[in-house]
């Protein structure tokens, strides 16, 4: 496991997310302030297959998040997952589908 030293001098370790020995992961700090939001999601959200087997994709996810950006987080999350469900026209059984939204207060 490779250690990274952050700007504040703290040592961080890149956590393994895959089984490939030659895969490298990097960390980056992003300052957040009151009112800022961050949305985390698994690949199952953007890789959800549609009827033509095209994936839901990052552009569709961004469009939903931008459309409902001013809504409460529970509405934002629900609308995003509803959009994935509508796109796939069925149950989400292709992969894990997880979406987490946080707001700094």
C-alpha atoms as a PDB file:
ATOM      1  CA  UNK A   1       0.000   0.000   0.000  1.00  0.00           C
ATOM      2  CA  UNK A   2       1.422   3.352  -1.016  1.00  0.00           C
ATOM      3  CA  UNK A   3       1.378   6.315   1.380  1.00  0.00           C
ATOM      4  CA  UNK A   4       0.632   9.860   0.262  1.00  0.00           C
ATOM      5  CA  UNK A   5       1.478  12.973   2.271  1.00  0.00           C
ATOM      6  CA  UNK A   6      -1.228  15.668   2.105  1.00  0.00           C
ATOM      7  CA  UNK A   7      -0.651  19.428   2.134  1.00  0.00           C
ATOM      8  CA  UNK A   8      -1.362  19.450   5.866  1.00  0.00           C
ATOM      9  CA  UNK A   9       1.457  16.949   6.432  1.00  0.00           C
ATOM     10  CA  UNK A  10      -0.887  14.075   7.255  1.00  0.00           C
ATOM     11  CA  UNK A  11      -0.030  10.715   5.772  1.00  0.00           C
ATOM     12  CA  UNK A  12      -2.846   8.967   3.837  1.00  0.00           C
ATOM     13  CA  UNK A  13      -2.912   5.504   2.369  1.00  0.00           C
ATOM     14  CA  UNK A  14      -4.527   4.651  -0.942  1.00  0.00           C
ATOM     15  CA  UNK A  15      -7.023   1.898  -0.256  1.00  0.00           C
ATOM     16  CA  UNK A  16      -7.227  -0.999  -2.702  1.00  0.00           C
ATOM     17  CA  UNK A  17     -10.438  -0.949  -4.731  1.00  0.00           C
ATOM     18  CA  UNK A  18      -9.550  -3.697  -7.189  1.00  0.00           C
ATOM     19  CA  UNK A  19      -7.485  -6.848  -7.277  1.00  0.00           C
ATOM     20  CA  UNK A  20      -5.083  -5.684  -9.975  1.00  0.00           C
ATOM     21  CA  UNK A  21      -1.568  -5.469  -8.555  1.00  0.00           C
ATOM     22  CA  UNK A  22      -0.509  -2.697 -10.949  1.00  0.00           C
ATOM     23  CA  UNK A  23      -3.506  -0.393 -10.316  1.00  0.00           C
ATOM     24  CA  UNK A  24      -2.604   2.908  -8.653  1.00  0.00           C
ATOM     25  CA  UNK A  25      -5.033   5.161  -6.809  1.00  0.00           C
ATOM     26  CA  UNK A  26      -4.439   8.748  -5.805  1.00  0.00           C
ATOM     27  CA  UNK A  27      -6.044  10.998  -3.265  1.00  0.00           C
ATOM     28  CA  UNK A  28      -6.926  14.637  -3.632  1.00  0.00           C
ATOM     29  CA  UNK A  29      -8.245  17.166  -1.131  1.00  0.00           C
ATOM     30  CA  UNK A  30     -11.216  19.364  -2.010  1.00  0.00           C
ATOM     31  CA  UNK A  31     -12.136  22.118   0.450  1.00  0.00           C
ATOM     32  CA  UNK A  32     -15.883  22.346   1.080  1.00  0.00           C
ATOM     33  CA  UNK A  33     -17.843  25.113   2.753  1.00  0.00           C
ATOM     34  CA  UNK A  34     -21.357  25.607   4.109  1.00  0.00           C
ATOM     35  CA  UNK A  35     -23.960  24.839   1.476  1.00  0.00           C
ATOM     36  CA  UNK A  36     -21.606  22.792  -0.697  1.00  0.00           C
ATOM     37  CA  UNK A  37     -22.866  19.393  -1.763  1.00  0.00           C
ATOM     38  CA  UNK A  38     -21.103  16.275  -2.880  1.00  0.00           C
ATOM     39  CA  UNK A  39     -22.657  13.238  -4.553  1.00  0.00           C
ATOM     40  CA  UNK A  40     -20.909   9.866  -4.467  1.00  0.00           C
ATOM     41  CA  UNK A  41     -22.107   6.948  -6.548  1.00  0.00           C
ATOM     42  CA  UNK A  42     -21.070   3.450  -7.543  1.00  0.00           C
ATOM     43  CA  UNK A  43     -20.413   2.459 -11.128  1.00  0.00           C
ATOM     44  CA  UNK A  44     -23.755   0.637 -11.179  1.00  0.00           C
ATOM     45  CA  UNK A  45     -25.508   4.015 -11.416  1.00  0.00           C
ATOM     46  CA  UNK A  46     -23.794   5.221 -14.586  1.00  0.00           C
ATOM     47  CA  UNK A  47     -23.409   1.731 -16.095  1.00  0.00           C
ATOM     48  CA  UNK A  48     -27.116   0.874 -15.787  1.00  0.00           C
ATOM     49  CA  UNK A  49     -28.166  -0.574 -19.167  1.00  0.00           C
ATOM     50  CA  UNK A  50     -31.061   0.868 -21.146  1.00  0.00           C
ATOM     51  CA  UNK A  51     -33.290  -0.922 -23.642  1.00  0.00           C
ATOM     52  CA  UNK A  52     -30.706  -0.511 -26.409  1.00  0.00           C
ATOM     53  CA  UNK A  53     -27.978  -1.617 -23.981  1.00  0.00           C
ATOM     54  CA  UNK A  54     -26.511   1.897 -23.888  1.00  0.00           C
ATOM     55  CA  UNK A  55     -25.494   2.865 -20.362  1.00  0.00           C
ATOM     56  CA  UNK A  56     -27.239   5.521 -18.281  1.00  0.00           C
ATOM     57  CA  UNK A  57     -23.958   7.433 -18.305  1.00  0.00           C
ATOM     58  CA  UNK A  58     -22.431  10.373 -16.527  1.00  0.00           C
ATOM     59  CA  UNK A  59     -24.131  12.993 -18.711  1.00  0.00           C
ATOM     60  CA  UNK A  60     -27.608  11.755 -17.753  1.00  0.00           C
ATOM     61  CA  UNK A  61     -26.650  11.634 -14.081  1.00  0.00           C
ATOM     62  CA  UNK A  62     -25.263  15.182 -14.222  1.00  0.00           C
ATOM     63  CA  UNK A  63     -28.433  16.415 -15.946  1.00  0.00           C
ATOM     64  CA  UNK A  64     -30.663  14.968 -13.208  1.00  0.00           C
ATOM     65  CA  UNK A  65     -28.442  16.334 -10.435  1.00  0.00           C
ATOM     66  CA  UNK A  66     -28.372  19.794 -12.027  1.00  0.00           C
ATOM     67  CA  UNK A  67     -32.149  19.795 -12.581  1.00  0.00           C
ATOM     68  CA  UNK A  68     -32.828  19.038  -8.912  1.00  0.00           C
ATOM     69  CA  UNK A  69     -29.774  20.771  -7.407  1.00  0.00           C
ATOM     70  CA  UNK A  70     -31.864  23.154  -5.290  1.00  0.00           C
ATOM     71  CA  UNK A  71     -34.108  20.438  -3.859  1.00  0.00           C
ATOM     72  CA  UNK A  72     -33.584  18.820  -0.461  1.00  0.00           C
ATOM     73  CA  UNK A  73     -31.081  15.956  -0.540  1.00  0.00           C
ATOM     74  CA  UNK A  74     -33.727  13.259  -0.147  1.00  0.00           C
ATOM     75  CA  UNK A  75     -35.538  14.582  -3.231  1.00  0.00           C
ATOM     76  CA  UNK A  76     -32.274  14.901  -5.181  1.00  0.00           C
ATOM     77  CA  UNK A  77     -31.326  11.294  -4.412  1.00  0.00           C
ATOM     78  CA  UNK A  78     -34.815   9.969  -5.154  1.00  0.00           C
ATOM     79  CA  UNK A  79     -34.982  11.763  -8.499  1.00  0.00           C
ATOM     80  CA  UNK A  80     -31.578  10.422  -9.521  1.00  0.00           C
ATOM     81  CA  UNK A  81     -32.473   6.819  -8.676  1.00  0.00           C
ATOM     82  CA  UNK A  82     -35.919   7.235 -10.297  1.00  0.00           C
ATOM     83  CA  UNK A  83     -34.175   8.391 -13.481  1.00  0.00           C
ATOM     84  CA  UNK A  84     -31.968   5.289 -13.481  1.00  0.00           C
ATOM     85  CA  UNK A  85     -35.025   3.063 -12.941  1.00  0.00           C
ATOM     86  CA  UNK A  86     -36.900   4.793 -15.772  1.00  0.00           C
ATOM     87  CA  UNK A  87     -33.917   4.425 -18.084  1.00  0.00           C
ATOM     88  CA  UNK A  88     -33.540   0.699 -17.451  1.00  0.00           C
ATOM     89  CA  UNK A  89     -37.313   0.041 -17.540  1.00  0.00           C
ATOM     90  CA  UNK A  90     -36.891  -2.623 -14.918  1.00  0.00           C
ATOM     91  CA  UNK A  91     -35.231  -3.717 -11.717  1.00  0.00           C
ATOM     92  CA  UNK A  92     -31.644  -2.701 -11.104  1.00  0.00           C
ATOM     93  CA  UNK A  93     -30.047  -6.145 -11.024  1.00  0.00           C
ATOM     94  CA  UNK A  94     -27.031  -5.501 -13.269  1.00  0.00           C
ATOM     95  CA  UNK A  95     -24.714  -4.276 -10.486  1.00  0.00           C
ATOM     96  CA  UNK A  96     -24.731  -2.517  -7.135  1.00  0.00           C
ATOM     97  CA  UNK A  97     -26.507   0.843  -7.348  1.00  0.00           C
ATOM     98  CA  UNK A  98     -25.585   3.225  -4.565  1.00  0.00           C
ATOM     99  CA  UNK A  99     -25.873   7.000  -4.451  1.00  0.00           C
ATOM    100  CA  UNK A 100     -24.898   9.078  -1.436  1.00  0.00           C
ATOM    101  CA  UNK A 101     -25.491  12.831  -1.220  1.00  0.00           C
ATOM    102  CA  UNK A 102     -23.957  15.038   1.467  1.00  0.00           C
ATOM    103  CA  UNK A 103     -24.344  18.723   2.273  1.00  0.00           C
ATOM    104  CA  UNK A 104     -21.946  20.769   4.391  1.00  0.00           C
ATOM    105  CA  UNK A 105     -23.725  22.817   7.061  1.00  0.00           C
END
